[in-house]
Amino acid sequence: MSQSSVPDFAELLRGARRTAVHLEMRDRYGVGDEAEEIEQFARTGEITLDPTASWWPEWLGLVKETLARGVVMRRARIVSEPVTDYIRWEHAVTPLNLDAGEQVRWLPRRHASDIALPGNDFWLIDGRLAMFHFFTGDGDWADPGFEFTEDPAAVRLCASAFEAVWERGTPHEKYTV
């Protein structure tokens, strides 16, 4: 897919018809739009579960819009244990994702050793299009920050990896950090 024909993420998700799955495999992300909330959480241990705060309204609105079309959205996270402060924050704010209708599971990294995983986090749309995310060592967006592929082998790897992680993962409500 050429860069000029690549949709932005919202457009991509709006094009989903059946499924949108996301696999996250980092223990720390350092993207700017979360920095203030994470810093506050690290200092105080407090979170804000206000769906109208920060960048949440845009994301949660997109999730609800996607689900209203009958698309199933699932997110799986592979994490090291004990978890990092970032993962502790992510776990604490996940109820916002759940309230919007996403399904979320967690898999301790030690249980993923025999799963063939892509080298990067990804979104897989309708089992046909993968969007890989690229991050710097510090967890911020790399340049470029993403790449799309419809390559059947890459899509199969993503689908297989996600389903294996999902099957072994613990639903958010039962996973403790």
C-alpha atoms as a PDB file:
ATOM      1  CA  MET A   1       0.000   0.000   0.000  1.00  0.00           C
ATOM      2  CA  SER A   2       1.593   3.290  -1.005  1.00  0.00           C
ATOM      3  CA  GLN A   3       2.010   6.034   1.606  1.00  0.00           C
ATOM      4  CA  SER A   4      -0.308   8.318  -0.400  1.00  0.00           C
ATOM      5  CA  SER A   5      -3.120   5.751  -0.248  1.00  0.00           C
ATOM      6  CA  VAL A   6      -2.731   5.035   3.486  1.00  0.00           C
ATOM      7  CA  PRO A   7      -5.758   6.198   5.490  1.00  0.00           C
ATOM      8  CA  ASP A   8      -5.381   7.806   8.886  1.00  0.00           C
ATOM      9  CA  PHE A   9      -6.223   5.516  11.778  1.00  0.00           C
ATOM     10  CA  ALA A  10      -9.736   6.866  12.354  1.00  0.00           C
ATOM     11  CA  GLU A  11     -10.532   6.333   8.677  1.00  0.00           C
ATOM     12  CA  LEU A  12      -9.074   2.831   8.867  1.00  0.00           C
ATOM     13  CA  LEU A  13     -11.212   1.936  11.894  1.00  0.00           C
ATOM     14  CA  ARG A  14     -14.269   3.462  10.256  1.00  0.00           C
ATOM     15  CA  GLY A  15     -13.677   1.057   7.367  1.00  0.00           C
ATOM     16  CA  ALA A  16     -13.716  -2.023   9.622  1.00  0.00           C
ATOM     17  CA  ARG A  17     -16.732  -4.236   9.007  1.00  0.00           C
ATOM     18  CA  ARG A  18     -16.279  -7.236  11.344  1.00  0.00           C
ATOM     19  CA  THR A  19     -13.246  -7.044  13.621  1.00  0.00           C
ATOM     20  CA  ALA A  20     -10.513  -4.743  14.857  1.00  0.00           C
ATOM     21  CA  VAL A  21      -7.918  -6.346  17.118  1.00  0.00           C
ATOM     22  CA  HIS A  22      -4.905  -4.736  18.758  1.00  0.00           C
ATOM     23  CA  LEU A  23      -1.848  -6.440  20.235  1.00  0.00           C
ATOM     24  CA  GLU A  24       0.384  -4.421  22.560  1.00  0.00           C
ATOM     25  CA  MET A  25       3.719  -5.909  23.603  1.00  0.00           C
ATOM     26  CA  ARG A  26       5.720  -3.108  25.255  1.00  0.00           C
ATOM     27  CA  ASP A  27       6.061  -2.598  28.995  1.00  0.00           C
ATOM     28  CA  ARG A  28       6.352   1.143  28.624  1.00  0.00           C
ATOM     29  CA  TYR A  29       5.116   3.677  26.136  1.00  0.00           C
ATOM     30  CA  GLY A  30       6.215   7.278  26.193  1.00  0.00           C
ATOM     31  CA  VAL A  31       3.826   8.946  23.782  1.00  0.00           C
ATOM     32  CA  GLY A  32       3.242  12.600  24.502  1.00  0.00           C
ATOM     33  CA  ASP A  33      -0.529  12.638  24.837  1.00  0.00           C
ATOM     34  CA  GLU A  34      -0.374  10.343  27.891  1.00  0.00           C
ATOM     35  CA  ALA A  35       2.655  11.916  29.617  1.00  0.00           C
ATOM     36  CA  GLU A  36       0.829  14.244  32.001  1.00  0.00           C
ATOM     37  CA  GLU A  37      -1.592  11.567  33.213  1.00  0.00           C
ATOM     38  CA  ILE A  38       1.184   9.023  33.718  1.00  0.00           C
ATOM     39  CA  GLU A  39       3.323  11.544  35.609  1.00  0.00           C
ATOM     40  CA  GLN A  40       0.398  12.347  37.915  1.00  0.00           C
ATOM     41  CA  PHE A  41      -0.274   8.646  38.470  1.00  0.00           C
ATOM     42  CA  ALA A  42       3.413   8.006  39.276  1.00  0.00           C
ATOM     43  CA  ARG A  43       3.398  10.857  41.822  1.00  0.00           C
ATOM     44  CA  THR A  44       0.032  10.263  43.451  1.00  0.00           C
ATOM     45  CA  GLY A  45      -1.283   6.856  42.452  1.00  0.00           C
ATOM     46  CA  GLU A  46      -4.485   8.633  41.414  1.00  0.00           C
ATOM     47  CA  ILE A  47      -6.223   8.356  38.062  1.00  0.00           C
ATOM     48  CA  THR A  48      -9.074  10.142  36.398  1.00  0.00           C
ATOM     49  CA  LEU A  49     -11.717   7.895  34.891  1.00  0.00           C
ATOM     50  CA  ASP A  50     -13.461  10.840  33.283  1.00  0.00           C
ATOM     51  CA  PRO A  51     -14.278   9.882  29.679  1.00  0.00           C
ATOM     52  CA  THR A  52     -14.436  13.582  28.759  1.00  0.00           C
ATOM     53  CA  ALA A  53     -10.905  14.370  29.962  1.00  0.00           C
ATOM     54  CA  SER A  54      -7.721  14.611  27.945  1.00  0.00           C
ATOM     55  CA  TRP A  55      -7.677  12.671  24.653  1.00  0.00           C
ATOM     56  CA  TRP A  56     -10.271  10.104  25.757  1.00  0.00           C
ATOM     57  CA  PRO A  57     -13.358  11.663  24.115  1.00  0.00           C
ATOM     58  CA  GLU A  58     -11.930  11.281  20.620  1.00  0.00           C
ATOM     59  CA  TRP A  59     -10.821   7.669  21.169  1.00  0.00           C
ATOM     60  CA  LEU A  60     -13.911   6.516  23.057  1.00  0.00           C
ATOM     61  CA  GLY A  61     -16.185   8.155  20.496  1.00  0.00           C
ATOM     62  CA  LEU A  62     -14.392   6.296  17.704  1.00  0.00           C
ATOM     63  CA  VAL A  63     -14.708   3.010  19.625  1.00  0.00           C
ATOM     64  CA  LYS A  64     -18.430   3.490  20.215  1.00  0.00           C
ATOM     65  CA  GLU A  65     -18.989   4.467  16.585  1.00  0.00           C
ATOM     66  CA  THR A  66     -17.114   1.354  15.434  1.00  0.00           C
ATOM     67  CA  LEU A  67     -18.993  -0.978  17.773  1.00  0.00           C
ATOM     68  CA  ALA A  68     -22.342   0.523  16.750  1.00  0.00           C
ATOM     69  CA  ARG A  69     -21.701  -0.881  13.255  1.00  0.00           C
ATOM     70  CA  GLY A  70     -21.356  -4.377  14.744  1.00  0.00           C
ATOM     71  CA  VAL A  71     -17.545  -4.482  14.700  1.00  0.00           C
ATOM     72  CA  VAL A  72     -15.973  -6.459  17.553  1.00  0.00           C
ATOM     73  CA  MET A  73     -12.967  -4.690  19.101  1.00  0.00           C
ATOM     74  CA  ARG A  74     -10.500  -6.701  21.148  1.00  0.00           C
ATOM     75  CA  ARG A  75      -7.216  -5.597  22.706  1.00  0.00           C
ATOM     76  CA  ALA A  76      -4.582  -7.926  24.164  1.00  0.00           C
ATOM     77  CA  ARG A  77      -1.527  -6.880  26.133  1.00  0.00           C
ATOM     78  CA  ILE A  78       1.578  -8.961  26.765  1.00  0.00           C
ATOM     79  CA  VAL A  79       3.263  -7.692  29.931  1.00  0.00           C
ATOM     80  CA  SER A  80       6.304  -8.460  32.049  1.00  0.00           C
ATOM     81  CA  GLU A  81       5.719  -9.168  35.723  1.00  0.00           C
ATOM     82  CA  PRO A  82       6.074  -7.496  38.050  1.00  0.00           C
ATOM     83  CA  VAL A  83       4.515  -4.826  35.863  1.00  0.00           C
ATOM     84  CA  THR A  84       5.986  -1.397  35.192  1.00  0.00           C
ATOM     85  CA  ASP A  85       4.422   1.815  36.473  1.00  0.00           C
ATOM     86  CA  TYR A  86       3.178   2.449  32.944  1.00  0.00           C
ATOM     87  CA  ILE A  87       1.342  -0.895  32.838  1.00  0.00           C
ATOM     88  CA  ARG A  88      -0.057  -0.234  36.311  1.00  0.00           C
ATOM     89  CA  TRP A  89      -1.479   3.076  34.967  1.00  0.00           C
ATOM     90  CA  GLU A  90      -2.735   1.400  31.796  1.00  0.00           C
ATOM     91  CA  HIS A  91      -4.503  -1.254  33.862  1.00  0.00           C
ATOM     92  CA  ALA A  92      -6.075   1.428  36.060  1.00  0.00           C
ATOM     93  CA  VAL A  93      -7.548   3.340  33.087  1.00  0.00           C
ATOM     94  CA  THR A  94      -8.687   0.272  31.116  1.00  0.00           C
ATOM     95  CA  PRO A  95     -12.233   0.524  32.568  1.00  0.00           C
ATOM     96  CA  LEU A  96     -12.686   3.446  30.144  1.00  0.00           C
ATOM     97  CA  ASN A  97     -11.934   1.099  27.223  1.00  0.00           C
ATOM     98  CA  LEU A  98     -14.300  -1.513  28.656  1.00  0.00           C
ATOM     99  CA  ASP A  99     -17.099   0.995  29.239  1.00  0.00           C
ATOM    100  CA  ALA A 100     -16.814   2.010  25.581  1.00  0.00           C
ATOM    101  CA  GLY A 101     -17.220  -1.653  24.583  1.00  0.00           C
ATOM    102  CA  GLU A 102     -13.685  -2.875  23.917  1.00  0.00           C
ATOM    103  CA  GLN A 103     -12.751  -6.297  25.239  1.00  0.00           C
ATOM    104  CA  VAL A 104      -9.320  -6.427  26.921  1.00  0.00           C
ATOM    105  CA  ARG A 105      -7.115  -9.301  28.052  1.00  0.00           C
ATOM    106  CA  TRP A 106      -3.678  -9.455  29.667  1.00  0.00           C
ATOM    107  CA  LEU A 107      -1.027 -12.145  29.193  1.00  0.00           C
ATOM    108  CA  PRO A 108       2.084 -12.364  31.359  1.00  0.00           C
ATOM    109  CA  ARG A 109       5.113 -12.471  29.045  1.00  0.00           C
ATOM    110  CA  ARG A 110       6.329 -15.761  30.559  1.00  0.00           C
ATOM    111  CA  HIS A 111       3.201 -17.414  29.066  1.00  0.00           C
ATOM    112  CA  ALA A 112       3.958 -16.132  25.554  1.00  0.00           C
ATOM    113  CA  SER A 113       7.345 -17.785  25.020  1.00  0.00           C
ATOM    114  CA  ASP A 114       6.094 -20.338  22.501  1.00  0.00           C
ATOM    115  CA  ILE A 115       3.881 -17.939  20.503  1.00  0.00           C
ATOM    116  CA  ALA A 116       5.209 -16.667  17.177  1.00  0.00           C
ATOM    117  CA  LEU A 117       4.857 -12.895  17.543  1.00  0.00           C
ATOM    118  CA  PRO A 118       5.467 -10.070  15.070  1.00  0.00           C
ATOM    119  CA  GLY A 119       8.264  -7.707  16.064  1.00  0.00           C
ATOM    120  CA  ASN A 120       5.893  -4.786  16.597  1.00  0.00           C
ATOM    121  CA  ASP A 121       2.547  -3.897  18.107  1.00  0.00           C
ATOM    122  CA  PHE A 122      -0.231  -3.974  15.560  1.00  0.00           C
ATOM    123  CA  TRP A 123      -3.860  -3.457  14.702  1.00  0.00           C
ATOM    124  CA  LEU A 124      -5.491  -6.063  12.459  1.00  0.00           C
ATOM    125  CA  ILE A 125      -8.633  -4.953  10.644  1.00  0.00           C
ATOM    126  CA  ASP A 126     -11.091  -7.582   9.405  1.00  0.00           C
ATOM    127  CA  GLY A 127      -8.304 -10.168   9.214  1.00  0.00           C
ATOM    128  CA  ARG A 128      -7.034  -8.543   6.019  1.00  0.00           C
ATOM    129  CA  LEU A 129      -5.035  -5.408   6.833  1.00  0.00           C
ATOM    130  CA  ALA A 130      -2.338  -5.031   9.479  1.00  0.00           C
ATOM    131  CA  MET A 131      -1.083  -1.720  10.784  1.00  0.00           C
ATOM    132  CA  PHE A 132       2.265  -2.049  12.580  1.00  0.00           C
ATOM    133  CA  HIS A 133       3.250   0.609  15.138  1.00  0.00           C
ATOM    134  CA  PHE A 134       6.885   1.669  15.488  1.00  0.00           C
ATOM    135  CA  PHE A 135       8.282   3.158  18.690  1.00  0.00           C
ATOM    136  CA  THR A 136      11.639   4.515  19.793  1.00  0.00           C
ATOM    137  CA  GLY A 137      13.532   2.815  22.620  1.00  0.00           C
ATOM    138  CA  ASP A 138      11.950   5.314  25.017  1.00  0.00           C
ATOM    139  CA  GLY A 139       8.470   4.358  23.848  1.00  0.00           C
ATOM    140  CA  ASP A 140       7.625   7.470  21.843  1.00  0.00           C
ATOM    141  CA  TRP A 141       6.407   7.291  18.249  1.00  0.00           C
ATOM    142  CA  ALA A 142       9.211   6.607  15.766  1.00  0.00           C
ATOM    143  CA  ASP A 143       9.289   8.307  12.376  1.00  0.00           C
ATOM    144  CA  PRO A 144       7.464   6.891  10.572  1.00  0.00           C
ATOM    145  CA  GLY A 145       5.258   5.653  13.390  1.00  0.00           C
ATOM    146  CA  PHE A 146       3.355   3.032  11.428  1.00  0.00           C
ATOM    147  CA  GLU A 147       3.208   0.867   8.344  1.00  0.00           C
ATOM    148  CA  PHE A 148       0.295  -0.911   6.687  1.00  0.00           C
ATOM    149  CA  THR A 149       0.411  -4.276   4.974  1.00  0.00           C
ATOM    150  CA  GLU A 150      -2.028  -6.599   3.288  1.00  0.00           C
ATOM    151  CA  ASP A 151       0.708  -9.192   2.736  1.00  0.00           C
ATOM    152  CA  PRO A 152      -1.050 -12.522   3.383  1.00  0.00           C
ATOM    153  CA  ALA A 153       1.874 -14.003   5.360  1.00  0.00           C
ATOM    154  CA  ALA A 154       2.133 -10.965   7.651  1.00  0.00           C
ATOM    155  CA  VAL A 155      -1.636 -10.841   8.134  1.00  0.00           C
ATOM    156  CA  ARG A 156      -1.726 -14.575   8.986  1.00  0.00           C
ATOM    157  CA  LEU A 157       1.106 -14.104  11.519  1.00  0.00           C
ATOM    158  CA  CYS A 158      -0.756 -11.236  13.161  1.00  0.00           C
ATOM    159  CA  ALA A 159      -4.034 -13.144  13.256  1.00  0.00           C
ATOM    160  CA  SER A 160      -2.398 -16.270  14.648  1.00  0.00           C
ATOM    161  CA  ALA A 161      -0.412 -14.333  17.249  1.00  0.00           C
ATOM    162  CA  PHE A 162      -3.403 -12.333  18.399  1.00  0.00           C
ATOM    163  CA  GLU A 163      -5.678 -15.360  18.739  1.00  0.00           C
ATOM    164  CA  ALA A 164      -3.030 -17.318  20.686  1.00  0.00           C
ATOM    165  CA  VAL A 165      -2.500 -14.392  23.076  1.00  0.00           C
ATOM    166  CA  TRP A 166      -6.254 -13.867  23.396  1.00  0.00           C
ATOM    167  CA  GLU A 167      -6.887 -17.526  24.178  1.00  0.00           C
ATOM    168  CA  ARG A 168      -4.247 -17.557  26.940  1.00  0.00           C
ATOM    169  CA  GLY A 169      -4.946 -14.054  28.211  1.00  0.00           C
ATOM    170  CA  THR A 170      -6.784 -13.161  31.373  1.00  0.00           C
ATOM    171  CA  PRO A 171      -9.844 -10.913  31.041  1.00  0.00           C
ATOM    172  CA  HIS A 172      -9.179  -7.463  32.472  1.00  0.00           C
ATOM    173  CA  GLU A 173     -11.637  -7.934  35.335  1.00  0.00           C
ATOM    174  CA  LYS A 174      -9.647 -10.942  36.597  1.00  0.00           C
ATOM    175  CA  TYR A 175      -6.102  -9.665  36.013  1.00  0.00           C
ATOM    176  CA  THR A 176      -4.448  -7.910  38.928  1.00  0.00           C
ATOM    177  CA  VAL A 177      -1.300  -5.816  38.849  1.00  0.00           C
END
